[in-house]
All heavy atoms as atom14 arrays in JSON, in Angstrom:
{
  "sequence": "AKIAVAKAQEKMNDIYDAANKADSKVDAFARMEEKADAML",
  "atom14_mask": [
    [1, 1, 1, 1, 1, 0, 0, 0, 0, 0, 0, 0, 0, 0],
    [1, 1, 1, 1, 1, 1, 1, 1, 1, 0, 0, 0, 0, 0],
    [1, 1, 1, 1, 1, 1, 1, 1, 0, 0, 0, 0, 0, 0],
    [1, 1, 1, 1, 1, 0, 0, 0, 0, 0, 0, 0, 0, 0],
    [1, 1, 1, 1, 1, 1, 1, 0, 0, 0, 0, 0, 0, 0],
    [1, 1, 1, 1, 1, 0, 0, 0, 0, 0, 0, 0, 0, 0],
    [1, 1, 1, 1, 1, 1, 1, 1, 1, 0, 0, 0, 0, 0],
    [1, 1, 1, 1, 1, 0, 0, 0, 0, 0, 0, 0, 0, 0],
    [1, 1, 1, 1, 1, 1, 1, 1, 1, 0, 0, 0, 0, 0],
    [1, 1, 1, 1, 1, 1, 1, 1, 1, 0, 0, 0, 0, 0],
    [1, 1, 1, 1, 1, 1, 1, 1, 1, 0, 0, 0, 0, 0],
    [1, 1, 1, 1, 1, 1, 1, 1, 0, 0, 0, 0, 0, 0],
    [1, 1, 1, 1, 1, 1, 1, 1, 0, 0, 0, 0, 0, 0],
    [1, 1, 1, 1, 1, 1, 1, 1, 0, 0, 0, 0, 0, 0],
    [1, 1, 1, 1, 1, 1, 1, 1, 0, 0, 0, 0, 0, 0],
    [1, 1, 1, 1, 1, 1, 1, 1, 1, 1, 1, 1, 0, 0],
    [1, 1, 1, 1, 1, 1, 1, 1, 0, 0, 0, 0, 0, 0],
    [1, 1, 1, 1, 1, 0, 0, 0, 0, 0, 0, 0, 0, 0],
    [1, 1, 1, 1, 1, 0, 0, 0, 0, 0, 0, 0, 0, 0],
    [1, 1, 1, 1, 1, 1, 1, 1, 0, 0, 0, 0, 0, 0],
    [1, 1, 1, 1, 1, 1, 1, 1, 1, 0, 0, 0, 0, 0],
    [1, 1, 1, 1, 1, 0, 0, 0, 0, 0, 0, 0, 0, 0],
    [1, 1, 1, 1, 1, 1, 1, 1, 0, 0, 0, 0, 0, 0],
    [1, 1, 1, 1, 1, 1, 0, 0, 0, 0, 0, 0, 0, 0],
    [1, 1, 1, 1, 1, 1, 1, 1, 1, 0, 0, 0, 0, 0],
    [1, 1, 1, 1, 1, 1, 1, 0, 0, 0, 0, 0, 0, 0],
    [1, 1, 1, 1, 1, 1, 1, 1, 0, 0, 0, 0, 0, 0],
    [1, 1, 1, 1, 1, 0, 0, 0, 0, 0, 0, 0, 0, 0],
    [1, 1, 1, 1, 1, 1, 1, 1, 1, 1, 1, 0, 0, 0],
    [1, 1, 1, 1, 1, 0, 0, 0, 0, 0, 0, 0, 0, 0],
    [1, 1, 1, 1, 1, 1, 1, 1, 1, 1, 1, 0, 0, 0],
    [1, 1, 1, 1, 1, 1, 1, 1, 0, 0, 0, 0, 0, 0],
    [1, 1, 1, 1, 1, 1, 1, 1, 1, 0, 0, 0, 0, 0],
    [1, 1, 1, 1, 1, 1, 1, 1, 1, 0, 0, 0, 0, 0],
    [1, 1, 1, 1, 1, 1, 1, 1, 1, 0, 0, 0, 0, 0],
    [1, 1, 1, 1, 1, 0, 0, 0, 0, 0, 0, 0, 0, 0],
    [1, 1, 1, 1, 1, 1, 1, 1, 0, 0, 0, 0, 0, 0],
    [1, 1, 1, 1, 1, 0, 0, 0, 0, 0, 0, 0, 0, 0],
    [1, 1, 1, 1, 1, 1, 1, 1, 0, 0, 0, 0, 0, 0],
    [1, 1, 1, 1, 1, 1, 1, 1, 0, 0, 0, 0, 0, 0]
  ],
  "atom14_positions": [
    [[24.06, 0.18, 5.68], [23.47, -1.15, 5.83], [22.28, -1.09, 6.78], [21.23, -1.7, 6.53], [24.52, -2.13, 6.34], [0.0, 0.0, 0.0], [0.0, 0.0, 0.0], [0.0, 0.0, 0.0], [0.0, 0.0, 0.0], [0.0, 0.0, 0.0], [0.0, 0.0, 0.0], [0.0, 0.0, 0.0], [0.0, 0.0, 0.0], [0.0, 0.0, 0.0]],
    [[22.43, -0.34, 7.86], [21.32, -0.18, 8.81], [20.14, 0.51, 8.15], [18.98, 0.13, 8.37], [21.79, 0.64, 10.02], [22.79, -0.07, 10.91], [23.21, 0.83, 12.05], [24.26, 0.16, 12.93], [24.72, 1.05, 14.02], [0.0, 0.0, 0.0], [0.0, 0.0, 0.0], [0.0, 0.0, 0.0], [0.0, 0.0, 0.0], [0.0, 0.0, 0.0]],
    [[20.43, 1.52, 7.34], [19.37, 2.24, 6.64], [18.63, 1.3, 5.69], [17.4, 1.33, 5.6], [19.95, 3.44, 5.88], [20.47, 4.48, 6.87], [18.91, 4.06, 4.96], [21.31, 5.57, 6.23], [0.0, 0.0, 0.0], [0.0, 0.0, 0.0], [0.0, 0.0, 0.0], [0.0, 0.0, 0.0], [0.0, 0.0, 0.0], [0.0, 0.0, 0.0]],
    [[19.39, 0.46, 4.96], [18.77, -0.48, 4.02], [17.86, -1.46, 4.75], [16.75, -1.76, 4.3], [19.86, -1.24, 3.25], [0.0, 0.0, 0.0], [0.0, 0.0, 0.0], [0.0, 0.0, 0.0], [0.0, 0.0, 0.0], [0.0, 0.0, 0.0], [0.0, 0.0, 0.0], [0.0, 0.0, 0.0], [0.0, 0.0, 0.0], [0.0, 0.0, 0.0]],
    [[18.35, -1.96, 5.9], [17.54, -2.89, 6.69], [16.27, -2.2, 7.2], [15.18, -2.77, 7.19], [18.37, -3.45, 7.87], [17.47, -4.24, 8.83], [19.49, -4.34, 7.35], [0.0, 0.0, 0.0], [0.0, 0.0, 0.0], [0.0, 0.0, 0.0], [0.0, 0.0, 0.0], [0.0, 0.0, 0.0], [0.0, 0.0, 0.0], [0.0, 0.0, 0.0]],
    [[16.44, -0.96, 7.65], [15.29, -0.21, 8.15], [14.24, 0.0, 7.05], [13.04, -0.14, 7.28], [15.74, 1.14, 8.7], [0.0, 0.0, 0.0], [0.0, 0.0, 0.0], [0.0, 0.0, 0.0], [0.0, 0.0, 0.0], [0.0, 0.0, 0.0], [0.0, 0.0, 0.0], [0.0, 0.0, 0.0], [0.0, 0.0, 0.0], [0.0, 0.0, 0.0]],
    [[14.71, 0.32, 5.83], [13.78, 0.51, 4.72], [13.07, -0.79, 4.37], [11.86, -0.8, 4.07], [14.53, 1.04, 3.5], [14.96, 2.49, 3.63], [15.63, 2.97, 2.35], [15.99, 4.45, 2.43], [16.63, 4.93, 1.2], [0.0, 0.0, 0.0], [0.0, 0.0, 0.0], [0.0, 0.0, 0.0], [0.0, 0.0, 0.0], [0.0, 0.0, 0.0]],
    [[13.82, -1.91, 4.41], [13.22, -3.21, 4.14], [12.15, -3.53, 5.18], [11.07, -4.05, 4.87], [14.29, -4.3, 4.12], [0.0, 0.0, 0.0], [0.0, 0.0, 0.0], [0.0, 0.0, 0.0], [0.0, 0.0, 0.0], [0.0, 0.0, 0.0], [0.0, 0.0, 0.0], [0.0, 0.0, 0.0], [0.0, 0.0, 0.0], [0.0, 0.0, 0.0]],
    [[12.45, -3.21, 6.44], [11.49, -3.45, 7.51], [10.24, -2.6, 7.31], [9.11, -3.06, 7.54], [12.13, -3.12, 8.87], [11.24, -3.45, 10.07], [10.93, -4.94, 10.16], [11.84, -5.75, 10.18], [9.66, -5.29, 10.2], [0.0, 0.0, 0.0], [0.0, 0.0, 0.0], [0.0, 0.0, 0.0], [0.0, 0.0, 0.0], [0.0, 0.0, 0.0]],
    [[10.44, -1.35, 6.88], [9.29, -0.48, 6.61], [8.42, -1.06, 5.5], [7.19, -1.02, 5.57], [9.78, 0.92, 6.23], [10.37, 1.7, 7.4], [10.91, 3.05, 6.97], [10.91, 3.32, 5.74], [11.33, 3.82, 7.84], [0.0, 0.0, 0.0], [0.0, 0.0, 0.0], [0.0, 0.0, 0.0], [0.0, 0.0, 0.0], [0.0, 0.0, 0.0]],
    [[9.06, -1.6, 4.46], [8.29, -2.23, 3.38], [7.52, -3.44, 3.89], [6.36, -3.65, 3.52], [9.23, -2.65, 2.26], [9.8, -1.5, 1.45], [10.67, -1.99, 0.31], [11.22, -0.83, -0.51], [12.1, -1.3, -1.61], [0.0, 0.0, 0.0], [0.0, 0.0, 0.0], [0.0, 0.0, 0.0], [0.0, 0.0, 0.0], [0.0, 0.0, 0.0]],
    [[8.18, -4.24, 4.75], [7.51, -5.39, 5.34], [6.29, -4.95, 6.14], [5.23, -5.58, 6.1], [8.48, -6.16, 6.22], [9.56, -6.92, 5.46], [8.89, -8.31, 4.52], [8.33, -9.37, 5.86], [0.0, 0.0, 0.0], [0.0, 0.0, 0.0], [0.0, 0.0, 0.0], [0.0, 0.0, 0.0], [0.0, 0.0, 0.0], [0.0, 0.0, 0.0]],
    [[6.46, -3.86, 6.89], [5.34, -3.34, 7.69], [4.19, -2.91, 6.77], [3.02, -3.16, 7.08], [5.81, -2.16, 8.54], [6.79, -2.58, 9.62], [6.86, -3.75, 9.98], [7.55, -1.63, 10.13], [0.0, 0.0, 0.0], [0.0, 0.0, 0.0], [0.0, 0.0, 0.0], [0.0, 0.0, 0.0], [0.0, 0.0, 0.0], [0.0, 0.0, 0.0]],
    [[4.54, -2.26, 5.65], [3.5, -1.83, 4.71], [2.77, -3.03, 4.12], [1.55, -3.03, 3.97], [4.12, -1.0, 3.58], [4.64, 0.35, 4.09], [4.21, 0.76, 5.18], [5.48, 0.95, 3.4], [0.0, 0.0, 0.0], [0.0, 0.0, 0.0], [0.0, 0.0, 0.0], [0.0, 0.0, 0.0], [0.0, 0.0, 0.0], [0.0, 0.0, 0.0]],
    [[3.56, -4.07, 3.76], [2.95, -5.28, 3.19], [2.05, -5.96, 4.22], [0.96, -6.44, 3.91], [4.05, -6.26, 2.71], [4.79, -5.65, 1.51], [3.46, -7.61, 2.35], [6.01, -6.45, 1.09], [0.0, 0.0, 0.0], [0.0, 0.0, 0.0], [0.0, 0.0, 0.0], [0.0, 0.0, 0.0], [0.0, 0.0, 0.0], [0.0, 0.0, 0.0]],
    [[2.53, -5.99, 5.48], [1.74, -6.6, 6.55], [0.43, -5.85, 6.74], [-0.65, -6.46, 6.88], [2.55, -6.58, 7.85], [1.86, -7.23, 9.01], [1.75, -8.62, 9.11], [1.3, -6.45, 10.03], [1.1, -9.2, 10.18], [0.65, -7.03, 11.1], [0.56, -8.41, 11.18], [-0.08, -8.98, 12.25], [0.0, 0.0, 0.0], [0.0, 0.0, 0.0]],
    [[0.5, -4.52, 6.69], [-0.72, -3.72, 6.81], [-1.66, -3.99, 5.64], [-2.88, -4.09, 5.82], [-0.36, -2.23, 6.86], [0.34, -1.84, 8.16], [0.21, -2.61, 9.13], [1.0, -0.79, 8.18], [0.0, 0.0, 0.0], [0.0, 0.0, 0.0], [0.0, 0.0, 0.0], [0.0, 0.0, 0.0], [0.0, 0.0, 0.0], [0.0, 0.0, 0.0]],
    [[-1.07, -4.09, 4.44], [-1.9, -4.36, 3.26], [-2.57, -5.74, 3.37], [-3.73, -5.91, 3.0], [-1.04, -4.28, 1.99], [0.0, 0.0, 0.0], [0.0, 0.0, 0.0], [0.0, 0.0, 0.0], [0.0, 0.0, 0.0], [0.0, 0.0, 0.0], [0.0, 0.0, 0.0], [0.0, 0.0, 0.0], [0.0, 0.0, 0.0], [0.0, 0.0, 0.0]],
    [[-1.83, -6.74, 3.9], [-2.38, -8.09, 4.06], [-3.53, -8.06, 5.06], [-4.57, -8.72, 4.87], [-1.29, -9.04, 4.52], [0.0, 0.0, 0.0], [0.0, 0.0, 0.0], [0.0, 0.0, 0.0], [0.0, 0.0, 0.0], [0.0, 0.0, 0.0], [0.0, 0.0, 0.0], [0.0, 0.0, 0.0], [0.0, 0.0, 0.0], [0.0, 0.0, 0.0]],
    [[-3.34, -7.29, 6.15], [-4.42, -7.18, 7.13], [-5.66, -6.54, 6.53], [-6.79, -6.96, 6.79], [-3.94, -6.35, 8.34], [-2.98, -7.14, 9.22], [-2.95, -8.36, 9.18], [-2.18, -6.43, 10.0], [0.0, 0.0, 0.0], [0.0, 0.0, 0.0], [0.0, 0.0, 0.0], [0.0, 0.0, 0.0], [0.0, 0.0, 0.0], [0.0, 0.0, 0.0]],
    [[-5.42, -5.51, 5.69], [-6.56, -4.86, 5.04], [-7.24, -5.83, 4.07], [-8.47, -5.82, 3.95], [-6.08, -3.62, 4.3], [-5.64, -2.49, 5.23], [-5.11, -1.29, 4.45], [-4.65, -0.19, 5.39], [-4.07, 0.96, 4.65], [0.0, 0.0, 0.0], [0.0, 0.0, 0.0], [0.0, 0.0, 0.0], [0.0, 0.0, 0.0], [0.0, 0.0, 0.0]],
    [[-6.43, -6.66, 3.37], [-7.01, -7.64, 2.45], [-7.87, -8.65, 3.21], [-8.96, -9.02, 2.76], [-5.89, -8.35, 1.68], [0.0, 0.0, 0.0], [0.0, 0.0, 0.0], [0.0, 0.0, 0.0], [0.0, 0.0, 0.0], [0.0, 0.0, 0.0], [0.0, 0.0, 0.0], [0.0, 0.0, 0.0], [0.0, 0.0, 0.0], [0.0, 0.0, 0.0]],
    [[-7.36, -9.11, 4.37], [-8.14, -10.05, 5.19], [-9.46, -9.43, 5.6], [-10.52, -10.08, 5.6], [-7.34, -10.45, 6.43], [-6.16, -11.37, 6.08], [-6.18, -11.94, 4.98], [-5.24, -11.49, 6.9], [0.0, 0.0, 0.0], [0.0, 0.0, 0.0], [0.0, 0.0, 0.0], [0.0, 0.0, 0.0], [0.0, 0.0, 0.0], [0.0, 0.0, 0.0]],
    [[-9.41, -8.14, 5.96], [-10.64, -7.46, 6.37], [-11.63, -7.39, 5.21], [-12.84, -7.56, 5.4], [-10.3, -6.04, 6.86], [-9.45, -6.09, 7.98], [0.0, 0.0, 0.0], [0.0, 0.0, 0.0], [0.0, 0.0, 0.0], [0.0, 0.0, 0.0], [0.0, 0.0, 0.0], [0.0, 0.0, 0.0], [0.0, 0.0, 0.0], [0.0, 0.0, 0.0]],
    [[-11.09, -7.16, 4.0], [-11.97, -7.09, 2.83], [-12.58, -8.45, 2.51], [-13.74, -8.54, 2.12], [-11.18, -6.57, 1.62], [-10.81, -5.1, 1.75], [-9.98, -4.63, 0.57], [-9.61, -3.16, 0.72], [-8.77, -2.68, -0.39], [0.0, 0.0, 0.0], [0.0, 0.0, 0.0], [0.0, 0.0, 0.0], [0.0, 0.0, 0.0], [0.0, 0.0, 0.0]],
    [[-11.78, -9.53, 2.68], [-12.3, -10.87, 2.46], [-13.42, -11.17, 3.46], [-14.47, -11.72, 3.09], [-11.17, -11.92, 2.6], [-11.74, -13.33, 2.62], [-10.17, -11.77, 1.45], [0.0, 0.0, 0.0], [0.0, 0.0, 0.0], [0.0, 0.0, 0.0], [0.0, 0.0, 0.0], [0.0, 0.0, 0.0], [0.0, 0.0, 0.0], [0.0, 0.0, 0.0]],
    [[-13.19, -10.81, 4.71], [-14.23, -11.02, 5.74], [-15.48, -10.22, 5.39], [-16.61, -10.71, 5.54], [-13.7, -10.6, 7.11], [-12.59, -11.53, 7.6], [-12.49, -12.66, 7.08], [-11.82, -11.11, 8.49], [0.0, 0.0, 0.0], [0.0, 0.0, 0.0], [0.0, 0.0, 0.0], [0.0, 0.0, 0.0], [0.0, 0.0, 0.0], [0.0, 0.0, 0.0]],
    [[-15.28, -8.97, 4.96], [-16.43, -8.13, 4.6], [-17.18, -8.73, 3.41], [-18.43, -8.72, 3.37], [-15.95, -6.71, 4.27], [0.0, 0.0, 0.0], [0.0, 0.0, 0.0], [0.0, 0.0, 0.0], [0.0, 0.0, 0.0], [0.0, 0.0, 0.0], [0.0, 0.0, 0.0], [0.0, 0.0, 0.0], [0.0, 0.0, 0.0], [0.0, 0.0, 0.0]],
    [[-16.44, -9.29, 2.44], [-17.06, -9.93, 1.28], [-17.91, -11.12, 1.72], [-19.02, -11.33, 1.23], [-15.99, -10.37, 0.29], [-16.53, -10.87, -1.0], [-16.83, -10.0, -2.03], [-16.77, -12.24, -1.19], [-17.34, -10.46, -3.23], [-17.29, -12.69, -2.39], [-17.57, -11.81, -3.42], [0.0, 0.0, 0.0], [0.0, 0.0, 0.0], [0.0, 0.0, 0.0]],
    [[-17.37, -11.91, 2.65], [-18.1, -13.07, 3.15], [-19.39, -12.63, 3.84], [-20.45, -13.26, 3.68], [-17.22, -13.87, 4.11], [0.0, 0.0, 0.0], [0.0, 0.0, 0.0], [0.0, 0.0, 0.0], [0.0, 0.0, 0.0], [0.0, 0.0, 0.0], [0.0, 0.0, 0.0], [0.0, 0.0, 0.0], [0.0, 0.0, 0.0], [0.0, 0.0, 0.0]],
    [[-19.29, -11.52, 4.6], [-20.5, -11.03, 5.27], [-21.53, -10.56, 4.25], [-22.74, -10.75, 4.43], [-20.14, -9.88, 6.22], [-19.38, -10.33, 7.46], [-19.35, -9.24, 8.52], [-18.64, -8.04, 8.07], [-17.33, -7.86, 8.18], [-16.57, -8.81, 8.72], [-16.76, -6.76, 7.77], [0.0, 0.0, 0.0], [0.0, 0.0, 0.0], [0.0, 0.0, 0.0]],
    [[-21.06, -9.95, 3.15], [-21.98, -9.51, 2.11], [-22.64, -10.72, 1.43], [-23.82, -10.69, 1.07], [-21.23, -8.67, 1.07], [-20.76, -7.31, 1.57], [-22.11, -6.28, 2.24], [-21.89, -6.51, 4.02], [0.0, 0.0, 0.0], [0.0, 0.0, 0.0], [0.0, 0.0, 0.0], [0.0, 0.0, 0.0], [0.0, 0.0, 0.0], [0.0, 0.0, 0.0]],
    [[-21.84, -11.82, 1.25], [-22.42, -13.04, 0.69], [-23.52, -13.57, 1.59], [-24.59, -14.02, 1.11], [-21.33, -14.11, 0.52], [-20.45, -13.9, -0.69], [-19.47, -15.05, -0.88], [-18.94, -15.54, 0.14], [-19.27, -15.46, -2.03], [0.0, 0.0, 0.0], [0.0, 0.0, 0.0], [0.0, 0.0, 0.0], [0.0, 0.0, 0.0], [0.0, 0.0, 0.0]],
    [[-23.28, -13.57, 2.9], [-24.29, -14.05, 3.85], [-25.55, -13.2, 3.76], [-26.68, -13.71, 3.78], [-23.72, -14.02, 5.27], [-22.6, -15.04, 5.5], [-21.99, -14.91, 6.89], [-22.43, -14.0, 7.63], [-21.1, -15.71, 7.22], [0.0, 0.0, 0.0], [0.0, 0.0, 0.0], [0.0, 0.0, 0.0], [0.0, 0.0, 0.0], [0.0, 0.0, 0.0]],
    [[-25.36, -11.9, 3.63], [-26.52, -11.01, 3.53], [-27.28, -11.28, 2.23], [-28.52, -11.26, 2.2], [-26.06, -9.55, 3.58], [-25.62, -9.09, 4.96], [-25.3, -7.59, 4.96], [-24.91, -7.12, 6.36], [-24.61, -5.66, 6.38], [0.0, 0.0, 0.0], [0.0, 0.0, 0.0], [0.0, 0.0, 0.0], [0.0, 0.0, 0.0], [0.0, 0.0, 0.0]],
    [[-26.51, -11.52, 1.13], [-27.16, -11.81, -0.15], [-27.98, -13.1, -0.07], [-29.1, -13.17, -0.59], [-26.09, -11.92, -1.25], [0.0, 0.0, 0.0], [0.0, 0.0, 0.0], [0.0, 0.0, 0.0], [0.0, 0.0, 0.0], [0.0, 0.0, 0.0], [0.0, 0.0, 0.0], [0.0, 0.0, 0.0], [0.0, 0.0, 0.0], [0.0, 0.0, 0.0]],
    [[-27.4, -14.13, 0.58], [-28.14, -15.4, 0.74], [-29.4, -15.18, 1.56], [-30.47, -15.72, 1.22], [-27.24, -16.44, 1.43], [-26.11, -16.9, 0.53], [-26.21, -16.71, -0.7], [-25.1, -17.42, 1.07], [0.0, 0.0, 0.0], [0.0, 0.0, 0.0], [0.0, 0.0, 0.0], [0.0, 0.0, 0.0], [0.0, 0.0, 0.0], [0.0, 0.0, 0.0]],
    [[-29.27, -14.39, 2.62], [-30.43, -14.15, 3.48], [-31.51, -13.39, 2.71], [-32.72, -13.69, 2.83], [-30.0, -13.35, 4.72], [0.0, 0.0, 0.0], [0.0, 0.0, 0.0], [0.0, 0.0, 0.0], [0.0, 0.0, 0.0], [0.0, 0.0, 0.0], [0.0, 0.0, 0.0], [0.0, 0.0, 0.0], [0.0, 0.0, 0.0], [0.0, 0.0, 0.0]],
    [[-31.07, -12.4, 1.9], [-32.04, -11.64, 1.09], [-32.75, -12.56, 0.09], [-33.96, -12.46, -0.12], [-31.32, -10.5, 0.35], [-30.82, -9.39, 1.27], [-29.81, -8.16, 0.39], [-31.03, -7.49, -0.73], [0.0, 0.0, 0.0], [0.0, 0.0, 0.0], [0.0, 0.0, 0.0], [0.0, 0.0, 0.0], [0.0, 0.0, 0.0], [0.0, 0.0, 0.0]],
    [[-31.96, -13.46, -0.55], [-32.56, -14.38, -1.52], [-33.55, -15.33, -0.85], [-34.64, -15.59, -1.38], [-31.46, -15.18, -2.22], [-31.92, -16.2, -3.25], [-32.72, -15.52, -4.37], [-30.74, -16.97, -3.82], [0.0, 0.0, 0.0], [0.0, 0.0, 0.0], [0.0, 0.0, 0.0], [0.0, 0.0, 0.0], [0.0, 0.0, 0.0], [0.0, 0.0, 0.0]]
  ]
}
């Protein structure tokens, strides 16, 4: 049971890391949009 909980926690950590990376990509996309507007 402890092992199962630990594995679930590891998956949660992976998902959390993926969400953080997604947020970073969204922010980077927004910055690219700003650059595109400035270029236009």
